[in-house]
């Protein structure tokens, strides 16, 4: 039987890396199967069993693919949930002072960016690495679609956001003239408070 310790991929350093990885992920529920297979790989290393090491390495990749699928299932649908909460969001910000909109916009943008980074990390990290080793993540297409939908929603919400550095819209001179004429006639129109109340429903 071959002596694994003399093979460059299976060395003491490699063993230490596995031990370190187990320490990092042990106790994380979705990764229990991965930990089990890594522990079995350590045993195979101790016995210099090349065939068993390779078998366990394959099992680790398979378990990681199932974990990736579970993660994707959890994150897919976030965009739909955000869309469902938008009416409540707009209702909560419409009465905010104008000077707070910059901060609110930055917070909203950061939340979108954080979610998009998570999706990109899954797609370009775990899923891509597994694919390169010929292990398929069955629902990876859902991840691509979710990222596209989330990016579009971010643009939809923030494109017309009233940022502080955005130039003011051009003044509608004819509207100003009509308003002044109406004020001279004593027609003050509906108050802003009543208008907002009617918009609220």
N, C-alpha and C. Protein backbone atom coordinates (compact mmCIF):
# COMPACT_ATOMS: atom_id res chain seq x y z
N UNK A 1 0.85 -1.19 0.00
CA UNK A 1 0.00 0.00 0.00
C UNK A 1 0.89 1.25 0.00
N UNK A 2 0.47 2.25 -0.74
CA UNK A 2 1.29 3.47 -0.85
C UNK A 2 1.36 4.21 0.47
N UNK A 3 2.47 4.84 0.69
CA UNK A 3 2.64 5.65 1.89
C UNK A 3 2.17 7.07 1.60
N UNK A 4 1.00 7.43 2.14
CA UNK A 4 0.39 8.72 1.81
C UNK A 4 1.24 9.88 2.29
N UNK A 5 1.92 9.70 3.40
CA UNK A 5 2.68 10.81 3.97
C UNK A 5 3.78 11.28 3.05
N UNK A 6 4.17 10.44 2.08
CA UNK A 6 5.20 10.85 1.12
C UNK A 6 4.62 11.52 -0.13
N UNK A 7 3.28 11.51 -0.25
CA UNK A 7 2.64 12.14 -1.40
C UNK A 7 2.39 13.60 -1.07
N UNK A 8 2.73 14.49 -2.00
CA UNK A 8 2.66 15.92 -1.69
C UNK A 8 1.28 16.42 -1.28
N UNK A 9 0.15 15.95 -1.90
CA UNK A 9 -1.14 16.48 -1.47
C UNK A 9 -1.54 16.00 -0.08
N UNK A 10 -1.02 14.82 0.32
CA UNK A 10 -1.41 14.24 1.60
C UNK A 10 -0.22 14.33 2.54
N UNK A 11 -0.11 15.44 3.19
CA UNK A 11 1.04 15.68 4.05
C UNK A 11 0.57 16.08 5.43
N UNK A 12 1.55 16.28 6.33
CA UNK A 12 1.19 16.74 7.66
C UNK A 12 0.49 18.09 7.63
N UNK A 13 0.93 18.94 6.70
CA UNK A 13 0.29 20.26 6.56
C UNK A 13 -1.16 20.09 6.13
N UNK A 14 -1.38 19.18 5.18
CA UNK A 14 -2.74 18.90 4.70
C UNK A 14 -3.61 18.42 5.86
N UNK A 15 -3.06 17.53 6.70
CA UNK A 15 -3.80 17.02 7.85
C UNK A 15 -4.13 18.15 8.82
N UNK A 16 -3.17 19.01 9.06
CA UNK A 16 -3.40 20.14 9.97
C UNK A 16 -4.51 21.07 9.44
N UNK A 17 -4.53 21.23 8.12
CA UNK A 17 -5.57 22.07 7.53
C UNK A 17 -6.95 21.47 7.73
N UNK A 18 -7.05 20.14 7.62
CA UNK A 18 -8.33 19.48 7.84
C UNK A 18 -8.76 19.64 9.29
N UNK A 19 -7.83 19.45 10.21
CA UNK A 19 -8.13 19.61 11.64
C UNK A 19 -8.61 21.04 11.92
N UNK A 20 -7.93 22.02 11.31
CA UNK A 20 -8.33 23.41 11.49
C UNK A 20 -9.72 23.68 10.93
N UNK A 21 -10.01 23.11 9.76
CA UNK A 21 -11.32 23.29 9.14
C UNK A 21 -12.42 22.69 10.01
N UNK A 22 -12.16 21.50 10.55
CA UNK A 22 -13.14 20.86 11.44
C UNK A 22 -13.42 21.76 12.64
N UNK A 23 -12.36 22.34 13.21
CA UNK A 23 -12.52 23.23 14.35
C UNK A 23 -13.39 24.44 14.04
N UNK A 24 -13.30 24.92 12.80
CA UNK A 24 -14.07 26.11 12.41
C UNK A 24 -15.54 25.80 12.19
N UNK A 25 -15.84 24.62 11.62
CA UNK A 25 -17.23 24.36 11.22
C UNK A 25 -17.96 23.38 12.12
N UNK A 26 -17.25 22.76 13.07
CA UNK A 26 -17.90 21.79 13.94
C UNK A 26 -18.99 22.47 14.75
N UNK A 27 -20.14 21.83 14.84
CA UNK A 27 -21.27 22.39 15.58
C UNK A 27 -22.21 23.22 14.74
N UNK A 28 -21.82 23.50 13.50
CA UNK A 28 -22.72 24.21 12.58
C UNK A 28 -23.62 23.17 11.92
N UNK A 29 -24.91 23.22 12.24
CA UNK A 29 -25.83 22.14 11.88
C UNK A 29 -25.78 21.73 10.40
N UNK A 30 -25.85 22.67 9.45
CA UNK A 30 -25.87 22.23 8.05
C UNK A 30 -24.58 21.54 7.60
N UNK A 31 -23.51 21.68 8.40
CA UNK A 31 -22.21 21.14 7.99
C UNK A 31 -21.84 19.86 8.74
N UNK A 32 -22.80 19.27 9.46
CA UNK A 32 -22.49 18.08 10.25
C UNK A 32 -22.00 16.94 9.37
N UNK A 33 -22.62 16.76 8.20
CA UNK A 33 -22.21 15.69 7.29
C UNK A 33 -20.79 15.91 6.78
N UNK A 34 -20.46 17.18 6.53
CA UNK A 34 -19.10 17.52 6.09
C UNK A 34 -18.10 17.16 7.19
N UNK A 35 -18.41 17.55 8.43
CA UNK A 35 -17.52 17.26 9.56
C UNK A 35 -17.32 15.76 9.71
N UNK A 36 -18.40 14.99 9.58
CA UNK A 36 -18.31 13.52 9.72
C UNK A 36 -17.34 12.95 8.68
N UNK A 37 -17.45 13.41 7.44
CA UNK A 37 -16.58 12.90 6.39
C UNK A 37 -15.14 13.39 6.55
N UNK A 38 -14.95 14.59 7.06
CA UNK A 38 -13.59 15.08 7.31
C UNK A 38 -12.92 14.27 8.42
N UNK A 39 -13.67 13.92 9.46
CA UNK A 39 -13.12 13.09 10.53
C UNK A 39 -12.74 11.71 10.01
N UNK A 40 -13.59 11.17 9.12
CA UNK A 40 -13.27 9.87 8.52
C UNK A 40 -12.02 9.97 7.65
N UNK A 41 -11.84 11.13 7.00
CA UNK A 41 -10.65 11.34 6.18
C UNK A 41 -9.40 11.37 7.06
N UNK A 42 -9.50 11.97 8.24
CA UNK A 42 -8.35 11.97 9.16
C UNK A 42 -7.95 10.56 9.56
N UNK A 43 -8.98 9.73 9.81
CA UNK A 43 -8.70 8.33 10.16
C UNK A 43 -7.99 7.64 9.01
N UNK A 44 -8.47 7.89 7.78
CA UNK A 44 -7.84 7.29 6.59
C UNK A 44 -6.40 7.77 6.45
N UNK A 45 -6.15 9.04 6.76
CA UNK A 45 -4.78 9.56 6.70
C UNK A 45 -3.89 8.85 7.71
N UNK A 46 -4.43 8.65 8.93
CA UNK A 46 -3.64 7.98 9.97
C UNK A 46 -3.25 6.56 9.56
N UNK A 47 -4.12 5.92 8.75
CA UNK A 47 -3.84 4.55 8.30
C UNK A 47 -3.17 4.51 6.93
N UNK A 48 -2.82 5.69 6.40
CA UNK A 48 -2.18 5.78 5.08
C UNK A 48 -2.98 5.07 3.99
N UNK A 49 -4.32 5.22 4.08
CA UNK A 49 -5.21 4.53 3.14
C UNK A 49 -5.63 5.51 2.04
N UNK A 50 -4.91 5.48 0.91
CA UNK A 50 -5.15 6.41 -0.19
C UNK A 50 -6.57 6.28 -0.74
N UNK A 51 -7.01 5.04 -0.94
CA UNK A 51 -8.33 4.81 -1.52
C UNK A 51 -9.42 5.40 -0.63
N UNK A 52 -9.30 5.18 0.68
CA UNK A 52 -10.31 5.68 1.61
C UNK A 52 -10.27 7.21 1.68
N UNK A 53 -9.07 7.79 1.62
CA UNK A 53 -8.95 9.25 1.61
C UNK A 53 -9.69 9.83 0.41
N UNK A 54 -9.44 9.25 -0.76
CA UNK A 54 -10.09 9.75 -1.97
C UNK A 54 -11.61 9.59 -1.91
N UNK A 55 -12.04 8.45 -1.34
CA UNK A 55 -13.48 8.22 -1.19
C UNK A 55 -14.11 9.24 -0.26
N UNK A 56 -13.43 9.52 0.84
CA UNK A 56 -13.96 10.49 1.80
C UNK A 56 -13.91 11.91 1.25
N UNK A 57 -12.90 12.20 0.45
CA UNK A 57 -12.83 13.52 -0.17
C UNK A 57 -14.03 13.72 -1.10
N UNK A 58 -14.37 12.67 -1.84
CA UNK A 58 -15.54 12.72 -2.71
C UNK A 58 -16.81 12.95 -1.88
N UNK A 59 -16.89 12.27 -0.73
CA UNK A 59 -18.06 12.43 0.15
C UNK A 59 -18.14 13.85 0.69
N UNK A 60 -16.97 14.47 0.99
CA UNK A 60 -16.95 15.85 1.46
C UNK A 60 -17.53 16.78 0.40
N UNK A 61 -17.10 16.61 -0.86
CA UNK A 61 -17.62 17.45 -1.94
C UNK A 61 -19.12 17.26 -2.11
N UNK A 62 -19.58 16.01 -2.03
CA UNK A 62 -21.02 15.74 -2.16
C UNK A 62 -21.79 16.43 -1.04
N UNK A 63 -21.27 16.33 0.18
CA UNK A 63 -21.95 16.96 1.32
C UNK A 63 -21.96 18.48 1.17
N UNK A 64 -20.85 19.04 0.69
CA UNK A 64 -20.79 20.49 0.47
C UNK A 64 -21.80 20.93 -0.60
N UNK A 65 -21.98 20.10 -1.63
CA UNK A 65 -22.97 20.44 -2.67
C UNK A 65 -24.36 20.48 -2.09
N UNK A 66 -24.69 19.54 -1.19
CA UNK A 66 -26.02 19.53 -0.58
C UNK A 66 -26.19 20.74 0.36
N UNK A 67 -25.11 21.11 1.07
CA UNK A 67 -25.16 22.30 1.93
C UNK A 67 -25.39 23.54 1.09
N UNK A 68 -24.70 23.63 -0.05
CA UNK A 68 -24.87 24.78 -0.95
C UNK A 68 -26.31 24.86 -1.44
N UNK A 69 -26.89 23.72 -1.79
CA UNK A 69 -28.28 23.70 -2.23
C UNK A 69 -29.21 24.21 -1.14
N UNK A 70 -28.93 23.79 0.11
CA UNK A 70 -29.75 24.23 1.24
C UNK A 70 -29.63 25.74 1.44
N UNK A 71 -28.41 26.26 1.33
CA UNK A 71 -28.20 27.72 1.47
C UNK A 71 -28.95 28.48 0.39
N UNK A 72 -28.89 27.99 -0.84
CA UNK A 72 -29.57 28.66 -1.95
C UNK A 72 -31.07 28.65 -1.73
N UNK A 73 -31.61 27.52 -1.25
CA UNK A 73 -33.05 27.44 -0.96
C UNK A 73 -33.45 28.49 0.06
N UNK A 74 -32.57 28.75 1.03
CA UNK A 74 -32.88 29.73 2.07
C UNK A 74 -32.86 31.17 1.56
N UNK A 75 -31.95 31.47 0.63
CA UNK A 75 -31.83 32.87 0.18
C UNK A 75 -32.75 33.19 -0.99
N UNK A 76 -33.11 32.17 -1.77
CA UNK A 76 -34.01 32.42 -2.90
C UNK A 76 -35.39 32.80 -2.37
N UNK A 77 -35.95 33.86 -2.93
CA UNK A 77 -37.23 34.37 -2.45
C UNK A 77 -37.09 35.63 -1.62
N UNK A 78 -35.84 36.02 -1.31
CA UNK A 78 -35.64 37.25 -0.55
C UNK A 78 -36.20 38.46 -1.28
N UNK A 79 -36.00 38.51 -2.60
CA UNK A 79 -36.47 39.66 -3.37
C UNK A 79 -37.97 39.78 -3.30
N UNK A 80 -38.67 38.65 -3.41
CA UNK A 80 -40.14 38.66 -3.32
C UNK A 80 -40.58 39.15 -1.95
N UNK A 81 -39.87 38.73 -0.90
CA UNK A 81 -40.24 39.17 0.45
C UNK A 81 -40.00 40.67 0.63
N UNK A 82 -38.91 41.17 0.04
CA UNK A 82 -38.64 42.62 0.12
C UNK A 82 -39.73 43.39 -0.59
N UNK A 83 -40.12 42.91 -1.79
CA UNK A 83 -41.19 43.58 -2.54
C UNK A 83 -42.47 43.63 -1.72
N UNK A 84 -42.77 42.54 -1.02
CA UNK A 84 -43.98 42.49 -0.20
C UNK A 84 -43.97 43.47 0.94
N UNK A 85 -42.78 43.85 1.41
CA UNK A 85 -42.69 44.79 2.55
C UNK A 85 -42.54 46.24 2.10
N UNK A 86 -42.47 46.50 0.78
CA UNK A 86 -42.25 47.86 0.30
C UNK A 86 -43.37 48.84 0.69
N UNK A 87 -44.67 48.46 0.59
CA UNK A 87 -45.70 49.43 1.01
C UNK A 87 -45.50 49.90 2.44
N UNK A 88 -45.16 48.99 3.34
CA UNK A 88 -44.91 49.37 4.74
C UNK A 88 -43.69 50.27 4.84
N UNK A 89 -42.66 49.96 4.03
CA UNK A 89 -41.44 50.79 4.04
C UNK A 89 -41.74 52.21 3.59
N UNK A 90 -42.44 52.35 2.43
CA UNK A 90 -42.75 53.70 1.93
C UNK A 90 -43.61 54.46 2.92
N UNK A 91 -44.54 53.76 3.56
CA UNK A 91 -45.41 54.41 4.55
C UNK A 91 -44.61 54.93 5.73
N UNK A 92 -43.56 54.19 6.11
CA UNK A 92 -42.78 54.59 7.28
C UNK A 92 -41.82 55.74 6.98
N UNK A 93 -41.41 55.92 5.71
CA UNK A 93 -40.43 56.96 5.41
C UNK A 93 -41.06 58.24 4.86
N UNK A 94 -42.34 58.19 4.47
CA UNK A 94 -42.90 59.36 3.79
C UNK A 94 -42.99 60.59 4.69
N UNK A 95 -43.05 60.39 6.01
CA UNK A 95 -43.14 61.53 6.93
C UNK A 95 -41.78 61.93 7.49
N UNK A 96 -40.72 61.27 7.04
CA UNK A 96 -39.38 61.61 7.56
C UNK A 96 -38.94 62.98 7.05
N UNK A 97 -38.20 63.73 7.87
CA UNK A 97 -37.65 65.01 7.40
C UNK A 97 -36.72 64.80 6.22
N UNK A 98 -36.69 65.73 5.27
CA UNK A 98 -35.85 65.58 4.07
C UNK A 98 -34.39 65.30 4.37
N UNK A 99 -33.87 65.87 5.48
CA UNK A 99 -32.45 65.70 5.77
C UNK A 99 -32.09 64.25 6.16
N UNK A 100 -33.11 63.43 6.47
CA UNK A 100 -32.85 62.04 6.84
C UNK A 100 -32.80 61.10 5.63
N UNK A 101 -33.25 61.58 4.47
CA UNK A 101 -33.35 60.69 3.32
C UNK A 101 -31.98 60.21 2.84
N UNK A 102 -30.95 61.03 2.99
CA UNK A 102 -29.61 60.60 2.60
C UNK A 102 -29.19 59.38 3.42
N UNK A 103 -29.39 59.47 4.74
CA UNK A 103 -29.00 58.37 5.63
C UNK A 103 -29.85 57.12 5.35
N UNK A 104 -31.16 57.31 5.15
CA UNK A 104 -32.03 56.17 4.86
C UNK A 104 -31.61 55.51 3.56
N UNK A 105 -31.33 56.33 2.53
CA UNK A 105 -30.91 55.79 1.24
C UNK A 105 -29.62 55.00 1.35
N UNK A 106 -28.66 55.51 2.13
CA UNK A 106 -27.39 54.81 2.32
C UNK A 106 -27.60 53.47 3.03
N UNK A 107 -28.51 53.45 4.02
CA UNK A 107 -28.82 52.22 4.74
C UNK A 107 -29.46 51.19 3.82
N UNK A 108 -30.42 51.65 3.00
CA UNK A 108 -31.09 50.76 2.05
C UNK A 108 -30.07 50.19 1.05
N UNK A 109 -29.21 51.06 0.53
CA UNK A 109 -28.20 50.62 -0.44
C UNK A 109 -27.26 49.59 0.19
N UNK A 110 -26.86 49.83 1.45
CA UNK A 110 -25.95 48.90 2.14
C UNK A 110 -26.61 47.53 2.34
N UNK A 111 -27.90 47.54 2.66
CA UNK A 111 -28.62 46.27 2.84
C UNK A 111 -28.66 45.48 1.54
N UNK A 112 -28.97 46.16 0.44
CA UNK A 112 -28.98 45.50 -0.87
C UNK A 112 -27.59 44.96 -1.21
N UNK A 113 -26.56 45.78 -0.99
CA UNK A 113 -25.19 45.37 -1.33
C UNK A 113 -24.77 44.15 -0.52
N UNK A 114 -25.17 44.12 0.76
CA UNK A 114 -24.82 43.00 1.61
C UNK A 114 -25.45 41.71 1.10
N UNK A 115 -26.72 41.79 0.71
CA UNK A 115 -27.41 40.59 0.17
C UNK A 115 -26.79 40.16 -1.16
N UNK A 116 -26.49 41.14 -2.00
CA UNK A 116 -25.89 40.81 -3.30
C UNK A 116 -24.51 40.19 -3.14
N UNK A 117 -23.73 40.67 -2.14
CA UNK A 117 -22.41 40.09 -1.89
C UNK A 117 -22.52 38.64 -1.42
N UNK A 118 -23.54 38.36 -0.60
CA UNK A 118 -23.76 36.98 -0.14
C UNK A 118 -24.08 36.07 -1.32
N UNK A 119 -24.97 36.54 -2.21
CA UNK A 119 -25.31 35.74 -3.39
C UNK A 119 -24.09 35.53 -4.29
N UNK A 120 -23.29 36.58 -4.47
CA UNK A 120 -22.09 36.47 -5.30
C UNK A 120 -21.08 35.52 -4.68
N UNK A 121 -20.96 35.55 -3.35
CA UNK A 121 -20.01 34.66 -2.67
C UNK A 121 -20.42 33.20 -2.84
N UNK A 122 -21.72 32.94 -2.75
CA UNK A 122 -22.22 31.58 -2.98
C UNK A 122 -21.96 31.14 -4.42
N UNK A 123 -22.29 32.05 -5.36
CA UNK A 123 -22.19 31.73 -6.79
C UNK A 123 -20.74 31.57 -7.24
N UNK A 124 -19.90 32.56 -6.89
CA UNK A 124 -18.52 32.59 -7.40
C UNK A 124 -17.54 31.85 -6.50
N UNK A 125 -18.00 31.47 -5.31
CA UNK A 125 -17.14 30.73 -4.40
C UNK A 125 -17.48 29.25 -4.38
N UNK A 126 -18.42 28.88 -3.51
CA UNK A 126 -18.74 27.47 -3.29
C UNK A 126 -19.25 26.80 -4.56
N UNK A 127 -20.26 27.41 -5.23
CA UNK A 127 -20.87 26.77 -6.40
C UNK A 127 -19.86 26.61 -7.53
N UNK A 128 -19.08 27.66 -7.79
CA UNK A 128 -18.08 27.59 -8.86
C UNK A 128 -17.00 26.57 -8.56
N UNK A 129 -16.54 26.53 -7.30
CA UNK A 129 -15.51 25.58 -6.92
C UNK A 129 -15.99 24.15 -7.06
N UNK A 130 -17.22 23.89 -6.62
CA UNK A 130 -17.78 22.54 -6.75
C UNK A 130 -17.91 22.15 -8.22
N UNK A 131 -18.35 23.11 -9.04
CA UNK A 131 -18.50 22.85 -10.47
C UNK A 131 -17.15 22.49 -11.11
N UNK A 132 -16.10 23.19 -10.70
CA UNK A 132 -14.77 22.92 -11.24
C UNK A 132 -14.29 21.51 -10.88
N UNK A 133 -14.81 20.98 -9.75
CA UNK A 133 -14.47 19.61 -9.35
C UNK A 133 -15.54 18.62 -9.81
N UNK A 134 -16.43 19.10 -10.71
CA UNK A 134 -17.46 18.26 -11.33
C UNK A 134 -18.50 17.76 -10.33
N UNK A 135 -18.83 18.62 -9.35
CA UNK A 135 -19.93 18.33 -8.44
C UNK A 135 -21.02 19.38 -8.67
N UNK A 136 -22.21 18.91 -9.00
CA UNK A 136 -23.30 19.80 -9.41
C UNK A 136 -24.12 20.27 -8.21
N UNK A 137 -24.42 21.57 -8.18
CA UNK A 137 -25.37 22.13 -7.22
C UNK A 137 -26.67 22.34 -7.99
N UNK A 138 -27.66 21.52 -7.70
CA UNK A 138 -28.82 21.39 -8.57
C UNK A 138 -29.64 22.66 -8.74
N UNK A 139 -29.70 23.51 -7.72
CA UNK A 139 -30.54 24.71 -7.83
C UNK A 139 -29.72 25.98 -8.03
N UNK A 140 -28.52 25.85 -8.59
CA UNK A 140 -27.65 27.03 -8.73
C UNK A 140 -28.25 28.08 -9.67
N UNK A 141 -29.07 27.66 -10.64
CA UNK A 141 -29.69 28.63 -11.55
C UNK A 141 -30.61 29.58 -10.79
N UNK A 142 -31.25 29.07 -9.73
CA UNK A 142 -32.11 29.93 -8.91
C UNK A 142 -31.31 31.06 -8.27
N UNK A 143 -30.05 30.77 -7.98
CA UNK A 143 -29.17 31.77 -7.37
C UNK A 143 -28.89 32.90 -8.36
N UNK A 144 -28.63 32.56 -9.61
CA UNK A 144 -28.38 33.57 -10.64
C UNK A 144 -29.63 34.45 -10.82
N UNK A 145 -30.79 33.82 -10.89
CA UNK A 145 -32.03 34.57 -11.10
C UNK A 145 -32.32 35.50 -9.91
N UNK A 146 -32.10 35.00 -8.70
CA UNK A 146 -32.34 35.82 -7.50
C UNK A 146 -31.44 37.05 -7.50
N UNK A 147 -30.17 36.87 -7.86
CA UNK A 147 -29.23 38.00 -7.89
C UNK A 147 -29.68 39.04 -8.91
N UNK A 148 -30.13 38.59 -10.09
CA UNK A 148 -30.60 39.53 -11.12
C UNK A 148 -31.82 40.30 -10.65
N UNK A 149 -32.77 39.61 -10.02
CA UNK A 149 -34.00 40.25 -9.54
C UNK A 149 -33.69 41.25 -8.43
N UNK A 150 -32.77 40.88 -7.53
CA UNK A 150 -32.42 41.75 -6.42
C UNK A 150 -31.71 43.01 -6.92
N UNK A 151 -30.84 42.85 -7.92
CA UNK A 151 -30.14 43.99 -8.51
C UNK A 151 -31.12 44.96 -9.18
N UNK A 152 -32.10 44.42 -9.90
CA UNK A 152 -33.11 45.25 -10.55
C UNK A 152 -33.96 46.00 -9.53
N UNK A 153 -34.32 45.32 -8.44
CA UNK A 153 -35.12 45.97 -7.40
C UNK A 153 -34.34 47.10 -6.74
N UNK A 154 -33.06 46.88 -6.51
CA UNK A 154 -32.21 47.93 -5.94
C UNK A 154 -32.22 49.17 -6.83
N UNK A 155 -32.04 48.95 -8.14
CA UNK A 155 -32.04 50.07 -9.09
C UNK A 155 -33.40 50.77 -9.10
N UNK A 156 -34.47 49.98 -9.06
CA UNK A 156 -35.82 50.53 -9.09
C UNK A 156 -36.08 51.45 -7.89
N UNK A 157 -35.59 51.04 -6.72
CA UNK A 157 -35.83 51.83 -5.50
C UNK A 157 -34.92 53.04 -5.42
N UNK A 158 -33.66 52.89 -5.82
CA UNK A 158 -32.67 53.93 -5.55
C UNK A 158 -32.36 54.86 -6.71
N UNK A 159 -32.80 54.53 -7.93
CA UNK A 159 -32.48 55.38 -9.08
C UNK A 159 -33.01 56.79 -8.89
N UNK A 160 -34.25 56.93 -8.40
CA UNK A 160 -34.85 58.25 -8.22
C UNK A 160 -34.84 58.69 -6.76
N UNK A 161 -33.99 58.10 -5.96
CA UNK A 161 -33.93 58.45 -4.54
C UNK A 161 -33.46 59.91 -4.39
N UNK A 162 -34.05 60.67 -3.45
CA UNK A 162 -33.67 62.09 -3.29
C UNK A 162 -32.34 62.28 -2.56
N UNK A 163 -31.24 61.91 -3.23
CA UNK A 163 -29.92 62.08 -2.62
C UNK A 163 -29.59 63.57 -2.48
N UNK A 164 -28.77 63.90 -1.52
CA UNK A 164 -28.41 65.30 -1.26
C UNK A 164 -27.67 65.93 -2.42
N UNK A 165 -26.84 65.14 -3.12
CA UNK A 165 -26.04 65.71 -4.20
C UNK A 165 -26.75 65.70 -5.55
N UNK A 166 -28.03 65.30 -5.53
CA UNK A 166 -28.78 65.28 -6.79
C UNK A 166 -29.28 66.69 -7.07
N UNK A 167 -29.13 67.22 -8.30
CA UNK A 167 -29.62 68.56 -8.60
C UNK A 167 -31.14 68.64 -8.49
N UNK A 168 -31.62 69.79 -8.08
CA UNK A 168 -33.07 70.00 -7.97
C UNK A 168 -33.70 69.96 -9.35
N UNK A 169 -34.95 69.48 -9.44
CA UNK A 169 -35.62 69.46 -10.74
C UNK A 169 -35.88 70.87 -11.24
N UNK A 170 -35.99 71.01 -12.56
CA UNK A 170 -36.27 72.32 -13.14
C UNK A 170 -37.63 72.82 -12.68
N UNK A 171 -37.72 74.12 -12.47
CA UNK A 171 -38.97 74.73 -12.02
C UNK A 171 -39.95 74.79 -13.19
N UNK A 172 -41.18 74.35 -12.93
CA UNK A 172 -42.25 74.43 -13.93
C UNK A 172 -42.87 75.84 -13.82
N UNK A 173 -42.41 76.76 -14.69
CA UNK A 173 -42.84 78.16 -14.60
C UNK A 173 -44.35 78.32 -14.76
N UNK A 174 -44.94 77.55 -15.67
CA UNK A 174 -46.39 77.69 -15.89
C UNK A 174 -47.17 77.23 -14.66
N UNK A 175 -46.67 76.19 -13.97
CA UNK A 175 -47.34 75.73 -12.76
C UNK A 175 -47.25 76.80 -11.67
N UNK A 176 -46.09 77.43 -11.55
CA UNK A 176 -45.93 78.50 -10.55
C UNK A 176 -46.89 79.64 -10.85
N UNK A 177 -47.00 80.02 -12.11
CA UNK A 177 -47.91 81.11 -12.50
C UNK A 177 -49.35 80.75 -12.16
N UNK A 178 -49.76 79.51 -12.45
CA UNK A 178 -51.14 79.09 -12.14
C UNK A 178 -51.38 79.10 -10.64
N UNK A 179 -50.38 78.68 -9.89
CA UNK A 179 -50.53 78.66 -8.43
C UNK A 179 -50.69 80.07 -7.87
N UNK A 180 -49.87 81.00 -8.38
CA UNK A 180 -49.97 82.40 -7.90
C UNK A 180 -51.33 82.99 -8.23
N UNK A 181 -51.83 82.70 -9.42
CA UNK A 181 -53.16 83.19 -9.81
C UNK A 181 -54.22 82.63 -8.89
N UNK A 182 -54.12 81.33 -8.57
CA UNK A 182 -55.10 80.69 -7.69
C UNK A 182 -55.04 81.29 -6.29
N UNK A 183 -53.82 81.59 -5.79
CA UNK A 183 -53.68 82.18 -4.45
C UNK A 183 -54.30 83.56 -4.42
N UNK A 184 -54.11 84.38 -5.50
CA UNK A 184 -54.70 85.71 -5.55
C UNK A 184 -56.23 85.64 -5.52
N UNK A 185 -56.78 84.55 -6.10
CA UNK A 185 -58.24 84.38 -6.10
C UNK A 185 -58.73 83.90 -4.74
N UNK A 186 -57.81 83.51 -3.85
CA UNK A 186 -58.20 83.00 -2.54
C UNK A 186 -58.35 81.49 -2.52
N UNK A 187 -57.99 80.83 -3.63
CA UNK A 187 -58.10 79.37 -3.72
C UNK A 187 -56.79 78.77 -3.22
N UNK A 188 -56.79 78.35 -1.94
CA UNK A 188 -55.56 77.85 -1.32
C UNK A 188 -55.34 76.36 -1.59
N UNK A 189 -56.35 75.68 -2.13
CA UNK A 189 -56.21 74.25 -2.43
C UNK A 189 -56.21 73.41 -1.17
N UNK A 190 -55.95 72.15 -1.33
CA UNK A 190 -55.95 71.21 -0.21
C UNK A 190 -54.64 71.33 0.55
N UNK A 191 -54.74 71.22 1.90
CA UNK A 191 -53.52 71.30 2.71
C UNK A 191 -52.66 70.07 2.48
N UNK A 192 -51.36 70.23 2.72
CA UNK A 192 -50.43 69.13 2.54
C UNK A 192 -50.79 67.95 3.44
N UNK A 193 -51.21 68.26 4.67
CA UNK A 193 -51.57 67.19 5.61
C UNK A 193 -52.74 66.37 5.08
N UNK A 194 -53.78 67.08 4.58
CA UNK A 194 -54.94 66.36 4.04
C UNK A 194 -54.56 65.55 2.81
N UNK A 195 -53.66 66.09 1.99
CA UNK A 195 -53.24 65.40 0.78
C UNK A 195 -52.50 64.10 1.14
N UNK A 196 -51.59 64.20 2.11
CA UNK A 196 -50.86 63.01 2.53
C UNK A 196 -51.80 61.97 3.14
N UNK A 197 -52.77 62.44 3.93
CA UNK A 197 -53.73 61.52 4.53
C UNK A 197 -54.53 60.79 3.47
N UNK A 198 -54.92 61.52 2.40
CA UNK A 198 -55.67 60.87 1.34
C UNK A 198 -54.81 59.87 0.58
N UNK A 199 -53.52 60.17 0.42
CA UNK A 199 -52.63 59.23 -0.24
C UNK A 199 -52.42 57.97 0.59
N UNK A 200 -52.44 58.14 1.91
CA UNK A 200 -52.28 56.97 2.78
C UNK A 200 -53.47 56.03 2.67
N UNK A 201 -54.57 56.53 2.19
CA UNK A 201 -55.68 55.60 1.99
C UNK A 201 -56.96 56.04 2.62
